[in-house]
Amino acid sequence: RTAFKEGIEAFGFGEKTGIELTPEASGNVDALSKQAEVYGATASFGQGISVTPIQLLAGFTALANGGRLLKPFIIEEIIYPDGRREKTSSEYLGSPISARTSELIRGMLVSVVERGHATAAAVPGYFVAGKTGTAQVANPRGPGYLEGVVITSYAGFAPADDPAFVMLVKLDKPRAGKWASVNAAPLFSEIATYLLAYLEVPMERDIYAPKETEAVPDLPSDLSDAPDIVSIDTGSGETLDTPVEPPPIEEIQDMTDDTVEAVEGVEE
C-alpha cells in the first residue's frame, strides 16, 4: 500500500501540474490514505481516485521519455516587438520510474496497438504506443454508477521509440459504442496521422510489410543481465536481495481494458 501510494504521488497525481491555465483541479487520491485495504485494491484499477486529463498526459511523458516526468506548458515561445525570442524549456520534475521500466512499458503499449485490442489506433508506417480506458461515471445523486454511461479515452504517443508528441483523446458519454477501442482509438489514429505528417516525421517501416513479420522496436531481447532487485524483509532483521526478471516482451499478446476514474468538476 505505501509503495503504491508513493508511486502515484511520484507521478504528480493529487497535485496541480502548474500549467498556465486556470482554474486547474488537483484530482483526488485521498482514498490511498484510508486504512481499509479495499481502497488500495480498487485504486489499483482506477476506482476511488481521480486524475485530470492534463495530469494523465504529464504522467505519460514519463512513459515516453525514459522515466523522466516533464512539466506541461502552453506557450512554446514568446516573440517580442524588438525581435527578442524567449523559448520555454521543458522542466524536469523527477523520475517516477526507471529508464528500464519505461522501455518495458513502452513495449507493452506498442503491443496493445500491434497485437491487442487497440489496433484501430495504428498509423501506417509508424510504431504507435498507447492504451485505452473506459470509465464508469459516478452517480451524482447517490452511491454507485450511472447505468450505461461511460467516459472513454485513449492515451498514447508516436513514434514509440522517439516520440514527437503525447496525446490524450477523451470522449464523454460517447454514442458510437461504449468501449474506447471503437471510438477513442480510431480518433487518436486520425489525429496522429495528421500530426506526424505535419511535423514531417519520417516513416520508420514499410507500410506494405506484413504485420506478422514486424517486431517491436528498441526492445532488449535479453534482460537477464540487468534484472531489477527487490529487497525482501525476512522478519529476522535481515533482507534478501532477489533479482526479478519480467516476462519476455514477445509473450505479451494482449492486455485487458483498464478502468479509469471519471474526473468531475474540470472545465473543458
C-alpha atoms as a PDB file:
ATOM      1  CA  ARG A   1       0.000   0.000   0.000  1.00  0.00           C
ATOM      2  CA  THR A   2       2.705   2.503   0.966  1.00  0.00           C
ATOM      3  CA  ALA A   3       4.799   1.838  -2.143  1.00  0.00           C
ATOM      4  CA  PHE A   4       1.729   2.130  -4.357  1.00  0.00           C
ATOM      5  CA  LYS A   5       0.742   5.453  -2.773  1.00  0.00           C
ATOM      6  CA  GLU A   6       4.275   6.809  -3.142  1.00  0.00           C
ATOM      7  CA  GLY A   7       4.322   5.728  -6.787  1.00  0.00           C
ATOM      8  CA  ILE A   8       1.042   7.524  -7.510  1.00  0.00           C
ATOM      9  CA  GLU A   9       2.316  10.689  -5.842  1.00  0.00           C
ATOM     10  CA  ALA A  10       5.656  10.476  -7.706  1.00  0.00           C
ATOM     11  CA  PHE A  11       3.727  10.861 -10.953  1.00  0.00           C
ATOM     12  CA  GLY A  12       2.217  14.086  -9.616  1.00  0.00           C
ATOM     13  CA  PHE A  13      -1.310  12.772  -9.199  1.00  0.00           C
ATOM     14  CA  GLY A  14      -3.209  14.623  -6.498  1.00  0.00           C
ATOM     15  CA  GLU A  15      -1.274  17.867  -7.160  1.00  0.00           C
ATOM     16  CA  LYS A  16      -1.776  20.613  -9.728  1.00  0.00           C
ATOM     17  CA  THR A  17       0.657  20.491 -12.637  1.00  0.00           C
ATOM     18  CA  GLY A  18       1.140  24.261 -12.643  1.00  0.00           C
ATOM     19  CA  ILE A  19       0.222  24.611 -16.317  1.00  0.00           C
ATOM     20  CA  GLU A  20      -0.547  28.182 -17.421  1.00  0.00           C
ATOM     21  CA  LEU A  21      -4.322  27.678 -17.410  1.00  0.00           C
ATOM     22  CA  THR A  22      -6.865  28.428 -14.690  1.00  0.00           C
ATOM     23  CA  PRO A  23      -8.737  27.047 -12.989  1.00  0.00           C
ATOM     24  CA  GLU A  24      -6.844  23.773 -12.632  1.00  0.00           C
ATOM     25  CA  ALA A  25      -8.072  20.901 -10.479  1.00  0.00           C
ATOM     26  CA  SER A  26      -5.681  18.756  -8.479  1.00  0.00           C
ATOM     27  CA  GLY A  27      -7.563  15.481  -8.772  1.00  0.00           C
ATOM     28  CA  ASN A  28      -8.199  13.363  -5.718  1.00  0.00           C
ATOM     29  CA  VAL A  29      -6.115  10.459  -4.404  1.00  0.00           C
ATOM     30  CA  ASP A  30      -7.209  10.766  -0.758  1.00  0.00           C
ATOM     31  CA  ALA A  31      -8.549   7.214  -0.818  1.00  0.00           C
ATOM     32  CA  LEU A  32      -4.958   5.944  -0.749  1.00  0.00           C
ATOM     33  CA  SER A  33      -4.573   7.378   2.766  1.00  0.00           C
ATOM     34  CA  LYS A  34      -7.534   5.447   4.169  1.00  0.00           C
ATOM     35  CA  GLN A  35      -6.867   2.376   6.293  1.00  0.00           C
ATOM     36  CA  ALA A  36      -9.196  -0.182   4.710  1.00  0.00           C
ATOM     37  CA  GLU A  37      -7.402  -2.452   2.237  1.00  0.00           C
ATOM     38  CA  VAL A  38     -10.267  -2.165  -0.255  1.00  0.00           C
ATOM     39  CA  TYR A  39      -9.261   1.416  -1.114  1.00  0.00           C
ATOM     40  CA  GLY A  40      -5.825   0.373  -2.304  1.00  0.00           C
ATOM     41  CA  ALA A  41      -7.260  -2.578  -4.213  1.00  0.00           C
ATOM     42  CA  THR A  42      -9.857  -0.548  -6.097  1.00  0.00           C
ATOM     43  CA  ALA A  43      -7.430   2.307  -6.757  1.00  0.00           C
ATOM     44  CA  SER A  44      -5.096  -0.152  -8.488  1.00  0.00           C
ATOM     45  CA  PHE A  45      -7.537  -0.253 -11.424  1.00  0.00           C
ATOM     46  CA  GLY A  46      -8.630   3.378 -11.215  1.00  0.00           C
ATOM     47  CA  GLN A  47     -11.689   3.342  -8.965  1.00  0.00           C
ATOM     48  CA  GLY A  48     -11.979   5.661  -5.983  1.00  0.00           C
ATOM     49  CA  ILE A  49      -9.330   8.107  -7.200  1.00  0.00           C
ATOM     50  CA  SER A  50      -9.419  10.752  -9.919  1.00  0.00           C
ATOM     51  CA  VAL A  51      -6.868  12.442 -12.148  1.00  0.00           C
ATOM     52  CA  THR A  52      -7.279  15.307 -14.579  1.00  0.00           C
ATOM     53  CA  PRO A  53      -6.607  14.917 -18.306  1.00  0.00           C
ATOM     54  CA  ILE A  54      -3.518  17.130 -18.114  1.00  0.00           C
ATOM     55  CA  GLN A  55      -2.171  15.057 -15.198  1.00  0.00           C
ATOM     56  CA  LEU A  56      -2.663  11.907 -17.251  1.00  0.00           C
ATOM     57  CA  LEU A  57      -0.795  13.446 -20.184  1.00  0.00           C
ATOM     58  CA  ALA A  58       2.023  14.583 -17.909  1.00  0.00           C
ATOM     59  CA  GLY A  59       2.262  11.067 -16.484  1.00  0.00           C
ATOM     60  CA  PHE A  60       2.582   9.646 -19.991  1.00  0.00           C
ATOM     61  CA  THR A  61       5.639  11.824 -20.599  1.00  0.00           C
ATOM     62  CA  ALA A  62       7.491   9.621 -18.108  1.00  0.00           C
ATOM     63  CA  LEU A  63       6.500   6.510 -20.074  1.00  0.00           C
ATOM     64  CA  ALA A  64       7.607   8.124 -23.328  1.00  0.00           C
ATOM     65  CA  ASN A  65      10.816   9.806 -22.139  1.00  0.00           C
ATOM     66  CA  GLY A  66      12.777   7.094 -20.382  1.00  0.00           C
ATOM     67  CA  GLY A  67      11.128   7.653 -16.997  1.00  0.00           C
ATOM     68  CA  ARG A  68      11.556  11.448 -16.986  1.00  0.00           C
ATOM     69  CA  LEU A  69       8.454  13.349 -15.847  1.00  0.00           C
ATOM     70  CA  LEU A  70       8.125  16.749 -17.548  1.00  0.00           C
ATOM     71  CA  LYS A  71       6.007  19.745 -16.587  1.00  0.00           C
ATOM     72  CA  PRO A  72       3.417  20.598 -19.265  1.00  0.00           C
ATOM     73  CA  PHE A  73       3.274  24.112 -20.697  1.00  0.00           C
ATOM     74  CA  ILE A  74       1.156  26.013 -23.220  1.00  0.00           C
ATOM     75  CA  ILE A  75       3.374  28.771 -24.625  1.00  0.00           C
ATOM     76  CA  GLU A  76       6.338  27.418 -26.596  1.00  0.00           C
ATOM     77  CA  GLU A  77       7.911  30.756 -27.466  1.00  0.00           C
ATOM     78  CA  ILE A  78       7.361  34.493 -26.930  1.00  0.00           C
ATOM     79  CA  ILE A  79       8.469  36.850 -29.721  1.00  0.00           C
ATOM     80  CA  TYR A  80       8.788  40.446 -28.551  1.00  0.00           C
ATOM     81  CA  PRO A  81       8.284  43.560 -30.782  1.00  0.00           C
ATOM     82  CA  ASP A  82      12.038  44.186 -30.801  1.00  0.00           C
ATOM     83  CA  GLY A  83      12.678  40.718 -32.203  1.00  0.00           C
ATOM     84  CA  ARG A  84      13.826  39.078 -28.976  1.00  0.00           C
ATOM     85  CA  ARG A  85      12.754  35.461 -28.557  1.00  0.00           C
ATOM     86  CA  GLU A  86      12.087  33.705 -25.279  1.00  0.00           C
ATOM     87  CA  LYS A  87      11.646  29.942 -25.575  1.00  0.00           C
ATOM     88  CA  THR A  88      10.028  27.839 -22.881  1.00  0.00           C
ATOM     89  CA  SER A  89      12.259  24.992 -21.735  1.00  0.00           C
ATOM     90  CA  SER A  90      10.906  21.657 -20.560  1.00  0.00           C
ATOM     91  CA  GLU A  91      11.067  21.448 -16.770  1.00  0.00           C
ATOM     92  CA  TYR A  92      12.231  18.126 -15.362  1.00  0.00           C
ATOM     93  CA  LEU A  93      10.131  17.113 -12.343  1.00  0.00           C
ATOM     94  CA  GLY A  94      11.746  13.802 -11.435  1.00  0.00           C
ATOM     95  CA  SER A  95      11.815  10.150 -12.469  1.00  0.00           C
ATOM     96  CA  PRO A  96       8.874   8.182 -11.023  1.00  0.00           C
ATOM     97  CA  ILE A  97      10.076   5.078 -12.894  1.00  0.00           C
ATOM     98  CA  SER A  98      13.427   3.869 -14.170  1.00  0.00           C
ATOM     99  CA  ALA A  99      14.509   4.065 -17.802  1.00  0.00           C
ATOM    100  CA  ARG A 100      14.321   0.274 -17.989  1.00  0.00           C
ATOM    101  CA  THR A 101      10.744   0.227 -16.684  1.00  0.00           C
ATOM    102  CA  SER A 102       9.833   2.930 -19.191  1.00  0.00           C
ATOM    103  CA  GLU A 103      11.243   0.798 -22.001  1.00  0.00           C
ATOM    104  CA  LEU A 104       9.308  -2.285 -20.903  1.00  0.00           C
ATOM    105  CA  ILE A 105       6.039  -0.372 -20.569  1.00  0.00           C
ATOM    106  CA  ARG A 106       6.606   1.222 -23.952  1.00  0.00           C
ATOM    107  CA  GLY A 107       6.889  -2.255 -25.441  1.00  0.00           C
ATOM    108  CA  MET A 108       3.633  -3.276 -23.768  1.00  0.00           C
ATOM    109  CA  LEU A 109       1.894  -0.183 -25.117  1.00  0.00           C
ATOM    110  CA  VAL A 110       3.136  -0.938 -28.642  1.00  0.00           C
ATOM    111  CA  SER A 111       1.854  -4.491 -28.239  1.00  0.00           C
ATOM    112  CA  VAL A 112      -1.627  -3.165 -27.466  1.00  0.00           C
ATOM    113  CA  VAL A 113      -1.687  -1.485 -30.880  1.00  0.00           C
ATOM    114  CA  GLU A 114       0.166  -4.179 -32.826  1.00  0.00           C
ATOM    115  CA  ARG A 115      -1.442  -7.319 -31.413  1.00  0.00           C
ATOM    116  CA  GLY A 116      -4.057  -6.211 -28.883  1.00  0.00           C
ATOM    117  CA  HIS A 117      -7.484  -4.653 -28.817  1.00  0.00           C
ATOM    118  CA  ALA A 118      -6.430  -1.116 -29.894  1.00  0.00           C
ATOM    119  CA  THR A 119      -5.372  -1.862 -33.475  1.00  0.00           C
ATOM    120  CA  ALA A 120      -7.660   0.984 -34.552  1.00  0.00           C
ATOM    121  CA  ALA A 121      -5.103   3.432 -33.072  1.00  0.00           C
ATOM    122  CA  ALA A 122      -2.398   2.333 -35.527  1.00  0.00           C
ATOM    123  CA  VAL A 123      -0.822   4.714 -38.041  1.00  0.00           C
ATOM    124  CA  PRO A 124       0.620   3.134 -41.217  1.00  0.00           C
ATOM    125  CA  GLY A 125       4.393   3.469 -41.340  1.00  0.00           C
ATOM    126  CA  TYR A 126       4.899   4.055 -37.603  1.00  0.00           C
ATOM    127  CA  PHE A 127       5.025   2.187 -34.312  1.00  0.00           C
ATOM    128  CA  VAL A 128       2.368   3.684 -32.030  1.00  0.00           C
ATOM    129  CA  ALA A 129       2.261   3.184 -28.251  1.00  0.00           C
ATOM    130  CA  GLY A 130      -0.889   3.686 -26.233  1.00  0.00           C
ATOM    131  CA  LYS A 131      -3.660   2.342 -24.042  1.00  0.00           C
ATOM    132  CA  THR A 132      -7.422   2.545 -23.970  1.00  0.00           C
ATOM    133  CA  GLY A 133      -9.504   3.461 -20.944  1.00  0.00           C
ATOM    134  CA  THR A 134     -13.211   3.028 -20.284  1.00  0.00           C
ATOM    135  CA  ALA A 135     -14.538   4.677 -17.133  1.00  0.00           C
ATOM    136  CA  GLN A 136     -17.849   4.367 -15.369  1.00  0.00           C
ATOM    137  CA  VAL A 137     -19.488   7.643 -14.330  1.00  0.00           C
ATOM    138  CA  ALA A 138     -20.283   8.151 -10.657  1.00  0.00           C
ATOM    139  CA  ASN A 139     -23.932   8.706  -9.756  1.00  0.00           C
ATOM    140  CA  PRO A 140     -24.198  12.358  -8.611  1.00  0.00           C
ATOM    141  CA  ARG A 141     -27.368  11.604  -6.634  1.00  0.00           C
ATOM    142  CA  GLY A 142     -26.156   8.678  -4.579  1.00  0.00           C
ATOM    143  CA  PRO A 143     -23.862   5.660  -4.407  1.00  0.00           C
ATOM    144  CA  GLY A 144     -22.864   3.625  -7.415  1.00  0.00           C
ATOM    145  CA  TYR A 145     -22.556   4.489 -11.076  1.00  0.00           C
ATOM    146  CA  LEU A 146     -24.872   5.668 -13.836  1.00  0.00           C
ATOM    147  CA  GLU A 147     -26.225   2.780 -15.868  1.00  0.00           C
ATOM    148  CA  GLY A 148     -24.906   2.620 -19.431  1.00  0.00           C
ATOM    149  CA  VAL A 149     -22.942   5.884 -19.176  1.00  0.00           C
ATOM    150  CA  VAL A 150     -19.172   5.856 -19.723  1.00  0.00           C
ATOM    151  CA  ILE A 151     -16.197   8.067 -20.480  1.00  0.00           C
ATOM    152  CA  THR A 152     -13.774   6.565 -22.972  1.00  0.00           C
ATOM    153  CA  SER A 153     -10.185   7.604 -23.561  1.00  0.00           C
ATOM    154  CA  TYR A 154      -7.032   6.732 -25.417  1.00  0.00           C
ATOM    155  CA  ALA A 155      -3.619   7.995 -24.323  1.00  0.00           C
ATOM    156  CA  GLY A 156      -0.560   7.361 -26.433  1.00  0.00           C
ATOM    157  CA  PHE A 157       2.481   8.637 -28.288  1.00  0.00           C
ATOM    158  CA  ALA A 158       4.294   8.187 -31.587  1.00  0.00           C
ATOM    159  CA  PRO A 159       6.738   7.191 -32.912  1.00  0.00           C
ATOM    160  CA  ALA A 160       7.152   4.802 -29.993  1.00  0.00           C
ATOM    161  CA  ASP A 161      10.960   4.822 -29.914  1.00  0.00           C
ATOM    162  CA  ASP A 162      11.374   8.605 -30.388  1.00  0.00           C
ATOM    163  CA  PRO A 163       8.060  10.316 -29.563  1.00  0.00           C
ATOM    164  CA  ALA A 164       7.159  13.530 -31.373  1.00  0.00           C
ATOM    165  CA  PHE A 165       4.047  14.031 -29.227  1.00  0.00           C
ATOM    166  CA  VAL A 166       1.932  12.607 -26.431  1.00  0.00           C
ATOM    167  CA  MET A 167      -1.820  12.779 -26.929  1.00  0.00           C
ATOM    168  CA  LEU A 168      -4.995  12.062 -24.970  1.00  0.00           C
ATOM    169  CA  VAL A 169      -8.365  11.547 -26.657  1.00  0.00           C
ATOM    170  CA  LYS A 170     -11.265  11.690 -24.171  1.00  0.00           C
ATOM    171  CA  LEU A 171     -14.928  11.244 -25.048  1.00  0.00           C
ATOM    172  CA  ASP A 172     -17.735  11.958 -22.570  1.00  0.00           C
ATOM    173  CA  LYS A 173     -20.813   9.753 -22.972  1.00  0.00           C
ATOM    174  CA  PRO A 174     -19.939   8.548 -26.493  1.00  0.00           C
ATOM    175  CA  ARG A 175     -22.798   7.363 -28.666  1.00  0.00           C
ATOM    176  CA  ALA A 176     -20.654   5.301 -31.044  1.00  0.00           C
ATOM    177  CA  GLY A 177     -20.068   2.304 -28.786  1.00  0.00           C
ATOM    178  CA  LYS A 178     -19.141   2.134 -25.123  1.00  0.00           C
ATOM    179  CA  TRP A 179     -15.543   0.963 -25.483  1.00  0.00           C
ATOM    180  CA  ALA A 180     -12.531   3.189 -26.176  1.00  0.00           C
ATOM    181  CA  SER A 181     -11.232   0.700 -28.717  1.00  0.00           C
ATOM    182  CA  VAL A 182     -14.127   1.514 -31.061  1.00  0.00           C
ATOM    183  CA  ASN A 183     -14.389   5.290 -30.626  1.00  0.00           C
ATOM    184  CA  ALA A 184     -11.380   6.959 -28.935  1.00  0.00           C
ATOM    185  CA  ALA A 185      -8.697   4.791 -30.578  1.00  0.00           C
ATOM    186  CA  PRO A 186      -9.775   5.494 -34.191  1.00  0.00           C
ATOM    187  CA  LEU A 187      -9.898   9.233 -33.443  1.00  0.00           C
ATOM    188  CA  PHE A 188      -6.374   9.046 -31.996  1.00  0.00           C
ATOM    189  CA  SER A 189      -5.201   7.381 -35.222  1.00  0.00           C
ATOM    190  CA  GLU A 190      -6.785  10.090 -37.369  1.00  0.00           C
ATOM    191  CA  ILE A 191      -5.213  12.950 -35.395  1.00  0.00           C
ATOM    192  CA  ALA A 192      -1.842  11.200 -35.055  1.00  0.00           C
ATOM    193  CA  THR A 193      -1.716  10.590 -38.814  1.00  0.00           C
ATOM    194  CA  TYR A 194      -2.161  14.320 -39.396  1.00  0.00           C
ATOM    195  CA  LEU A 195       0.372  15.312 -36.716  1.00  0.00           C
ATOM    196  CA  LEU A 196       3.105  13.003 -37.975  1.00  0.00           C
ATOM    197  CA  ALA A 197       2.665  14.372 -41.486  1.00  0.00           C
ATOM    198  CA  TYR A 198       2.523  17.985 -40.268  1.00  0.00           C
ATOM    199  CA  LEU A 199       5.679  17.541 -38.173  1.00  0.00           C
ATOM    200  CA  GLU A 200       7.344  15.774 -41.113  1.00  0.00           C
ATOM    201  CA  VAL A 201       8.348  12.771 -39.014  1.00  0.00           C
ATOM    202  CA  PRO A 202       9.952  10.161 -41.310  1.00  0.00           C
ATOM    203  CA  MET A 203       8.223   6.802 -41.544  1.00  0.00           C
ATOM    204  CA  GLU A 204      10.062   4.063 -39.689  1.00  0.00           C
ATOM    205  CA  ARG A 205       8.804   0.985 -41.517  1.00  0.00           C
ATOM    206  CA  ASP A 206       7.362  -0.174 -44.833  1.00  0.00           C
ATOM    207  CA  ILE A 207       3.625   0.456 -44.810  1.00  0.00           C
ATOM    208  CA  TYR A 208       3.151  -2.569 -47.067  1.00  0.00           C
ATOM    209  CA  ALA A 209       5.120  -5.011 -44.888  1.00  0.00           C
ATOM    210  CA  PRO A 210       3.020  -7.865 -43.450  1.00  0.00           C
ATOM    211  CA  LYS A 211       2.245  -7.115 -39.837  1.00  0.00           C
ATOM    212  CA  GLU A 212       3.255 -10.603 -38.667  1.00  0.00           C
ATOM    213  CA  THR A 213       6.871 -10.030 -39.745  1.00  0.00           C
ATOM    214  CA  GLU A 214       7.322  -6.857 -37.756  1.00  0.00           C
ATOM    215  CA  ALA A 215       8.968  -6.650 -34.359  1.00  0.00           C
ATOM    216  CA  VAL A 216       8.508  -4.179 -31.543  1.00  0.00           C
ATOM    217  CA  PRO A 217      11.300  -1.575 -31.919  1.00  0.00           C
ATOM    218  CA  ASP A 218      14.099  -0.878 -29.490  1.00  0.00           C
ATOM    219  CA  LEU A 219      13.277  -3.712 -27.098  1.00  0.00           C
ATOM    220  CA  PRO A 220      16.045  -5.736 -25.459  1.00  0.00           C
ATOM    221  CA  SER A 221      15.972  -9.398 -26.415  1.00  0.00           C
ATOM    222  CA  ASP A 222      17.633 -10.438 -23.157  1.00  0.00           C
ATOM    223  CA  LEU A 223      17.061  -8.614 -19.867  1.00  0.00           C
ATOM    224  CA  SER A 224      18.821 -11.166 -17.682  1.00  0.00           C
ATOM    225  CA  ASP A 225      21.982  -9.106 -17.497  1.00  0.00           C
ATOM    226  CA  ALA A 226      20.205  -6.189 -15.813  1.00  0.00           C
ATOM    227  CA  PRO A 227      17.440  -7.508 -13.550  1.00  0.00           C
ATOM    228  CA  ASP A 228      15.610  -5.335 -11.102  1.00  0.00           C
ATOM    229  CA  ILE A 229      16.440  -6.055  -7.467  1.00  0.00           C
ATOM    230  CA  VAL A 230      13.726  -6.424  -4.863  1.00  0.00           C
ATOM    231  CA  SER A 231      14.670  -6.369  -1.166  1.00  0.00           C
ATOM    232  CA  ILE A 232      12.559  -8.757   0.906  1.00  0.00           C
ATOM    233  CA  ASP A 233      12.331  -8.468   4.683  1.00  0.00           C
ATOM    234  CA  THR A 234      12.787 -11.958   6.112  1.00  0.00           C
ATOM    235  CA  GLY A 235      11.393 -10.945   9.505  1.00  0.00           C
ATOM    236  CA  SER A 236      14.658 -11.754  11.286  1.00  0.00           C
ATOM    237  CA  GLY A 237      16.229  -8.354  10.820  1.00  0.00           C
ATOM    238  CA  GLU A 238      17.878  -9.335   7.553  1.00  0.00           C
ATOM    239  CA  THR A 239      16.941  -8.514   3.971  1.00  0.00           C
ATOM    240  CA  LEU A 240      17.142 -10.782   0.969  1.00  0.00           C
ATOM    241  CA  ASP A 241      18.025  -9.135  -2.354  1.00  0.00           C
ATOM    242  CA  THR A 242      16.210 -11.041  -5.078  1.00  0.00           C
ATOM    243  CA  PRO A 243      16.527 -10.325  -8.813  1.00  0.00           C
ATOM    244  CA  VAL A 244      13.204 -10.134 -10.598  1.00  0.00           C
ATOM    245  CA  GLU A 245      13.023 -10.568 -14.345  1.00  0.00           C
ATOM    246  CA  PRO A 246       9.863  -9.550 -16.211  1.00  0.00           C
ATOM    247  CA  PRO A 247       8.360 -11.884 -18.816  1.00  0.00           C
ATOM    248  CA  PRO A 248       9.818 -11.535 -22.325  1.00  0.00           C
ATOM    249  CA  ILE A 249       8.074  -8.766 -24.209  1.00  0.00           C
ATOM    250  CA  GLU A 250       7.217 -11.113 -27.080  1.00  0.00           C
ATOM    251  CA  GLU A 251       4.974 -13.109 -24.748  1.00  0.00           C
ATOM    252  CA  ILE A 252       2.726 -10.127 -24.218  1.00  0.00           C
ATOM    253  CA  GLN A 253      -0.091 -10.736 -26.683  1.00  0.00           C
ATOM    254  CA  ASP A 254      -2.944  -8.712 -25.314  1.00  0.00           C
ATOM    255  CA  MET A 255      -3.934  -6.517 -22.416  1.00  0.00           C
ATOM    256  CA  THR A 256      -7.222  -6.098 -20.644  1.00  0.00           C
ATOM    257  CA  ASP A 257      -9.059  -2.817 -20.822  1.00  0.00           C
ATOM    258  CA  ASP A 258      -8.239  -0.641 -17.832  1.00  0.00           C
ATOM    259  CA  THR A 259     -10.911   1.221 -15.944  1.00  0.00           C
ATOM    260  CA  VAL A 260     -10.034   4.811 -15.174  1.00  0.00           C
ATOM    261  CA  GLU A 261     -11.920   7.127 -12.902  1.00  0.00           C
ATOM    262  CA  ALA A 262     -14.031   9.925 -14.348  1.00  0.00           C
ATOM    263  CA  VAL A 263     -12.910  13.426 -13.457  1.00  0.00           C
ATOM    264  CA  GLU A 264     -15.625  15.712 -12.219  1.00  0.00           C
ATOM    265  CA  GLY A 265     -15.529  19.462 -11.888  1.00  0.00           C
ATOM    266  CA  VAL A 266     -12.860  20.108 -14.526  1.00  0.00           C
ATOM    267  CA  GLU A 267     -13.826  22.721 -17.077  1.00  0.00           C
ATOM    268  CA  GLU A 268     -13.311  21.724 -20.712  1.00  0.00           C
END
